[in-house]
Structures are given as structure tokens and as C-alpha cells.
Protein backbone atom coordinates (compact mmCIF):
# COMPACT_ATOMS: atom_id res chain seq x y z
CA MET A 1 38.58 -5.05 -53.29
CA SER A 2 42.40 -4.42 -53.61
CA PHE A 3 43.96 -1.37 -54.48
CA ASP A 4 47.26 -1.23 -56.35
CA PRO A 5 48.63 2.11 -55.17
CA ASN A 6 51.19 2.26 -58.33
CA ALA A 7 48.29 1.37 -60.92
CA GLU A 8 47.99 5.30 -61.66
CA PHE A 9 51.52 5.92 -61.82
CA ASP A 10 52.20 2.96 -63.60
CA HIS A 11 49.70 3.93 -66.17
CA ALA A 12 50.96 7.53 -66.32
CA VAL A 13 54.73 5.78 -67.39
CA LEU A 14 53.12 3.73 -70.61
CA ASP A 15 51.28 7.09 -71.42
CA LYS A 16 54.59 9.40 -71.26
CA ILE A 17 56.76 6.39 -73.06
CA GLU A 18 53.86 6.35 -76.19
CA LEU A 19 54.11 10.00 -76.34
CA SER A 20 57.87 9.98 -76.76
CA PRO A 21 58.73 9.49 -80.10
CA ILE A 22 61.94 7.77 -79.02
CA GLY A 23 60.17 5.78 -76.12
CA ALA A 24 62.24 7.55 -73.53
CA LEU A 25 61.29 8.08 -70.04
CA PRO A 26 63.25 10.04 -67.01
CA SER A 27 65.93 8.23 -65.22
CA THR A 28 64.46 8.82 -61.57
CA PRO A 29 64.32 5.84 -59.32
CA ALA A 30 59.98 6.45 -59.25
CA TYR A 31 60.23 6.01 -63.18
CA GLN A 32 62.79 3.18 -62.62
CA ASP A 33 60.60 1.40 -60.21
CA ALA A 34 57.65 1.68 -62.78
CA LEU A 35 59.55 0.33 -65.40
CA SER A 36 60.61 -2.66 -63.66
CA ARG A 37 57.30 -3.40 -63.06
CA LEU A 38 55.78 -2.68 -66.12
CA TYR A 39 58.63 -5.05 -67.49
CA ALA A 40 58.21 -8.03 -65.16
CA ALA A 41 54.18 -7.76 -66.76
CA ARG A 42 55.04 -7.80 -69.96
CA GLN A 43 53.22 -4.49 -70.62
CA VAL A 44 56.53 -2.81 -71.60
CA TYR A 45 59.49 -4.25 -74.08
CA ALA A 46 62.76 -2.87 -74.73
CA HIS A 47 62.73 -0.54 -78.35
CA ALA A 48 64.49 -2.07 -81.30
CA ASP A 49 64.50 1.24 -83.08
CA HIS A 50 65.92 3.36 -80.61
CA LYS A 51 68.74 1.99 -77.77
CA GLY A 52 67.50 2.57 -74.47
CA GLY A 53 63.94 3.58 -75.33
CA HIS A 54 61.24 1.54 -74.24
CA VAL A 55 57.68 0.29 -76.60
CA THR A 56 54.29 -0.34 -74.80
CA ALA A 57 52.84 -3.65 -75.33
CA ARG A 58 49.48 -1.73 -76.17
CA SER A 59 50.96 0.07 -78.82
CA LEU A 60 52.70 -3.06 -80.42
CA ALA A 61 49.27 -4.55 -80.62
CA GLN A 62 47.96 -1.87 -82.75
CA LEU A 63 50.51 -3.14 -85.74
CA PRO A 64 50.17 -5.43 -88.56
CA LEU A 65 50.86 -9.22 -88.42
CA PHE A 66 53.13 -10.33 -91.80
CA HIS A 67 52.61 -14.00 -93.18
CA PRO A 68 51.80 -15.71 -96.26
CA GLN A 69 48.47 -13.74 -97.28
CA ASN A 70 46.70 -16.71 -98.23
CA LEU A 71 47.71 -18.62 -95.19
CA ASP A 72 44.01 -19.25 -94.42
CA ASP A 73 43.42 -21.01 -97.47
CA PHE A 74 46.35 -23.14 -96.96
CA ILE A 75 45.51 -24.53 -94.01
CA ALA A 76 41.90 -25.26 -95.59
CA GLY A 77 43.29 -27.15 -97.86
CA ARG A 78 42.02 -24.69 -101.02
CA VAL A 79 45.16 -24.29 -102.02
CA GLY A 80 48.74 -25.88 -101.60
CA GLU A 81 52.13 -25.09 -101.09
CA ASP A 82 53.28 -24.23 -104.38
CA ALA A 83 50.23 -21.00 -104.31
CA LEU A 84 51.58 -20.28 -100.87
CA GLU A 85 53.03 -16.11 -101.00
CA THR A 86 56.92 -16.26 -100.82
CA SER A 87 58.99 -15.91 -97.75
CA ALA A 88 60.36 -13.17 -99.92
CA GLY A 89 56.88 -11.71 -100.98
CA VAL A 90 56.44 -11.60 -97.17
CA TYR A 91 59.01 -9.79 -95.99
CA ASP A 92 58.72 -7.35 -98.99
CA ARG A 93 55.05 -6.24 -97.07
CA TYR A 94 56.89 -6.12 -93.83
CA VAL A 95 59.42 -3.77 -95.07
CA GLN A 96 57.13 -1.67 -97.03
CA SER A 97 55.08 -0.99 -93.47
CA LEU A 98 58.06 0.28 -91.81
CA ALA A 99 58.78 4.22 -91.61
CA PRO A 100 60.84 5.24 -94.47
CA GLU A 101 64.11 5.65 -92.20
CA LEU A 102 64.40 1.78 -91.05
CA ARG A 103 64.06 -0.06 -94.42
CA ALA A 104 67.35 0.03 -95.25
CA ARG A 105 67.90 -1.54 -91.64
CA ALA A 106 65.15 -4.05 -92.32
CA GLU A 107 66.93 -4.90 -95.95
CA ALA A 108 70.28 -5.33 -94.66
CA LEU A 109 68.56 -8.05 -92.37
CA ARG A 110 66.60 -9.71 -95.01
CA VAL A 111 69.49 -12.67 -95.77
CA MET A 112 69.83 -13.57 -92.05
CA VAL A 113 65.42 -13.68 -91.38
CA ILE A 114 64.31 -15.40 -94.52
CA GLY A 115 67.74 -17.67 -95.17
CA LYS A 116 69.48 -18.30 -98.13
CA PRO A 117 67.69 -20.88 -101.07
CA HIS A 118 67.20 -24.37 -100.10
CA LEU A 119 68.76 -27.19 -101.74
CA HIS A 120 66.48 -29.37 -103.47
CA ARG A 121 65.87 -32.97 -101.41
CA ALA A 122 67.41 -35.91 -103.94
CA ARG A 123 65.70 -39.53 -103.07
CA HIS A 124 68.28 -42.19 -102.65
CA ASP A 125 67.20 -43.28 -106.52
CA GLY A 126 68.18 -39.75 -107.66
CA ALA A 127 64.99 -38.18 -108.27
CA VAL A 128 64.67 -34.50 -107.14
CA VAL A 129 62.09 -33.72 -105.05
CA HIS A 130 60.21 -30.44 -104.51
CA ASP A 131 61.75 -27.61 -101.84
CA PRO A 132 60.45 -28.32 -98.46
CA LEU A 133 57.56 -25.86 -97.22
CA HIS A 134 59.47 -23.01 -95.72
CA MET A 135 57.17 -20.59 -95.08
CA LEU A 136 58.08 -17.04 -93.04
CA PHE A 137 55.84 -14.81 -90.63
CA LEU A 138 56.72 -11.82 -88.35
CA VAL A 139 55.06 -10.53 -85.57
CA PRO A 140 55.18 -7.47 -83.22
CA GLY A 141 57.24 -8.07 -79.61
CA ALA A 142 60.58 -8.81 -78.06
CA GLY A 143 62.79 -11.72 -76.96
CA PRO A 144 65.85 -11.42 -74.70
CA ASN A 145 67.25 -8.86 -77.13
CA PRO A 146 65.22 -6.04 -78.73
CA GLY A 147 63.27 -7.05 -82.26
CA LEU A 148 63.55 -6.30 -85.95
CA PRO A 149 62.90 -2.73 -86.83
CA GLY A 150 59.48 -1.82 -86.39
CA ASN A 151 59.93 -4.18 -83.16
CA TYR A 152 59.10 -7.41 -84.76
CA LEU A 153 59.86 -10.85 -84.21
CA HIS A 154 60.53 -13.12 -87.00
CA GLY A 155 59.79 -17.09 -87.31
CA SER A 156 59.08 -19.70 -89.93
CA LEU A 157 57.59 -23.19 -90.14
CA PHE A 158 59.43 -25.81 -91.67
CA HIS A 159 60.15 -29.59 -92.19
CA VAL A 160 63.39 -31.61 -90.66
CA GLY A 161 63.66 -35.05 -92.37
CA PRO A 162 64.26 -36.92 -95.14
CA ASP A 163 60.71 -36.45 -96.29
CA GLU A 164 57.13 -35.21 -95.36
CA ALA A 165 56.35 -39.05 -94.10
CA SER A 166 58.96 -38.63 -91.42
CA GLY A 167 60.86 -36.20 -89.35
CA THR A 168 59.02 -33.05 -87.56
CA TRP A 169 57.31 -30.21 -88.70
CA GLU A 170 58.87 -26.84 -86.53
CA ILE A 171 57.93 -23.57 -86.17
CA HIS A 172 61.08 -21.01 -84.86
CA VAL A 173 60.73 -17.87 -83.07
CA HIS A 174 63.50 -15.08 -83.05
CA ASP A 175 64.24 -11.86 -81.67
CA ALA A 176 66.62 -9.84 -83.75
CA ASP A 177 69.67 -11.43 -82.57
CA ASP A 178 70.27 -14.90 -80.26
CA GLY A 179 66.98 -15.15 -78.39
CA ALA A 180 64.85 -17.98 -80.01
CA CYS A 181 62.20 -20.07 -78.99
CA VAL A 182 61.36 -23.60 -80.89
CA PHE A 183 58.07 -26.26 -81.23
CA GLY A 184 57.94 -29.06 -82.85
CA ASN A 185 54.88 -31.48 -83.91
CA PRO A 186 55.06 -34.64 -86.05
CA THR A 187 52.74 -33.78 -88.27
CA ARG A 188 51.95 -30.34 -90.41
CA ALA A 189 48.50 -30.22 -89.49
CA GLY A 190 49.61 -29.66 -86.10
CA ALA A 191 52.17 -27.28 -86.37
CA LEU A 192 50.00 -24.85 -88.34
CA ALA A 193 47.62 -25.02 -85.84
CA LYS A 194 49.93 -23.94 -82.96
CA LEU A 195 51.02 -21.40 -85.73
CA GLU A 196 47.34 -20.24 -85.94
CA GLU A 197 48.22 -19.77 -81.79
CA VAL A 198 51.44 -17.94 -82.24
CA LEU A 199 49.66 -15.07 -84.50
CA ALA A 200 46.73 -14.89 -82.18
CA SER A 201 49.05 -14.35 -78.97
CA ALA A 202 51.01 -11.10 -80.53
CA PRO A 203 52.60 -9.09 -79.19
CA PHE A 204 54.21 -11.22 -77.04
CA HIS A 205 58.21 -11.70 -75.41
CA LEU A 206 59.77 -15.00 -76.11
CA ASP A 207 59.37 -16.14 -72.73
CA GLU A 208 55.51 -15.90 -72.97
CA ILE A 209 54.86 -18.70 -75.64
CA GLU A 210 56.99 -21.16 -73.40
CA ALA A 211 52.96 -21.46 -72.24
CA LEU A 212 52.24 -22.50 -76.00
CA GLY A 213 54.57 -25.32 -75.72
CA PHE A 214 57.91 -23.66 -76.74
CA ARG A 215 60.97 -24.12 -75.64
CA SER A 216 63.98 -21.28 -75.40
CA VAL A 217 67.29 -22.79 -77.43
């Protein structure tokens, strides 16, 4: 039976991070060595709300996920695209879940996360079709950079191409800066199945979802 001589101390470091309101640790070599091990094991991430602070994966696992409330019904075919909760509604619920002092910063990021309204797609005959599906979700985690306020990654599922009979369904997942991972599938059903995998895998670091078929961009 193997024994990790660092396990007890590393566990104590996780406890100390969670007990600190800003995720702070002493800067002694022993603590810094433990942090290096815990970051490598994806048990600790950079704190999104406190520069120089840390947050544990086990504490992120207690946070809620945000996606259309009727996503299960949509996947099962019980509701259509027009009935899905809007991205604005999903983001509203995320903002309201945050501590009051974090909400203004989250609101300042709303346009970056949701994006500007999509232009209607027009067919060659001049007829206008409905906006393509663009589904927002937020999950706890981090990437090369910290996440959004509250330690969240943001992502979306949408279609790329002239119409839904061609092109690709893509899922993009981002941290709060330029860290991003992308997955593509030729069918909406395949992309939705992958989205379910992503939601079930949270919390995670962006590097970890490469195992699910995502690529860094």
C-alpha cells in the first residue's frame, strides 16, 4: 500500500484555503510547495474574486450550475427553441446567486458573456428565418485565467453555417479572459449530449475538458 507523505499537510492546506475569506495562504516554502501539488492535481484554482487568492475544487462543487431551466425538456423534445429560457434569464439568475458586492462586476461583463443580439439569417430568396439557437451556460471552474465573479466559466452552444441542414454545432467554454476550449459536432443532438457531459463534469479547469474532445483555441 502506497503512502503519500504530503497527503495530511495538503489536506490541511485545503482546509486553510476554505477557512480564509479571500483564499489566502502563508507564503512559506512548505505552503507554496503544497499549492504547486494541489494546482497540478486540479484540487485548487486561482480565485476569481481575490487576486493572489485560491479556491478549492471541493468548494466549487457546492456551487449551482446555470443553464436554461427547461434544458432537460428541450433535450427530450418536449419544448422547442422558442420556449427555452433566454440567455438573459440564465445570466440574471447567475448574477442574483452572487454575493451583493460581486454583482456590479458581473453586470459589467454581461455583454461580453451573452454577446450582442444575433442578426436574423436571411435566405437567398430574401425570406428571413428565425435567429439561430444560442444557448448560454455557466459552470464553476477556471482556465489559464480566473473565471467570472464567483469563480465561473461561461459557455454557449450554437450553430455555425448558413442553415441548420449544414455547418457545425459548436460548444465554446471560456474563462474571464482569453482562455477558451471548443467542441464541434455535425448534429444538434451530438452537441447537446456533449453539453450534458460538460455540465456533469463541473467544476473543472479548461485543460480537463480536452479529455471530452474539446480543443484549446
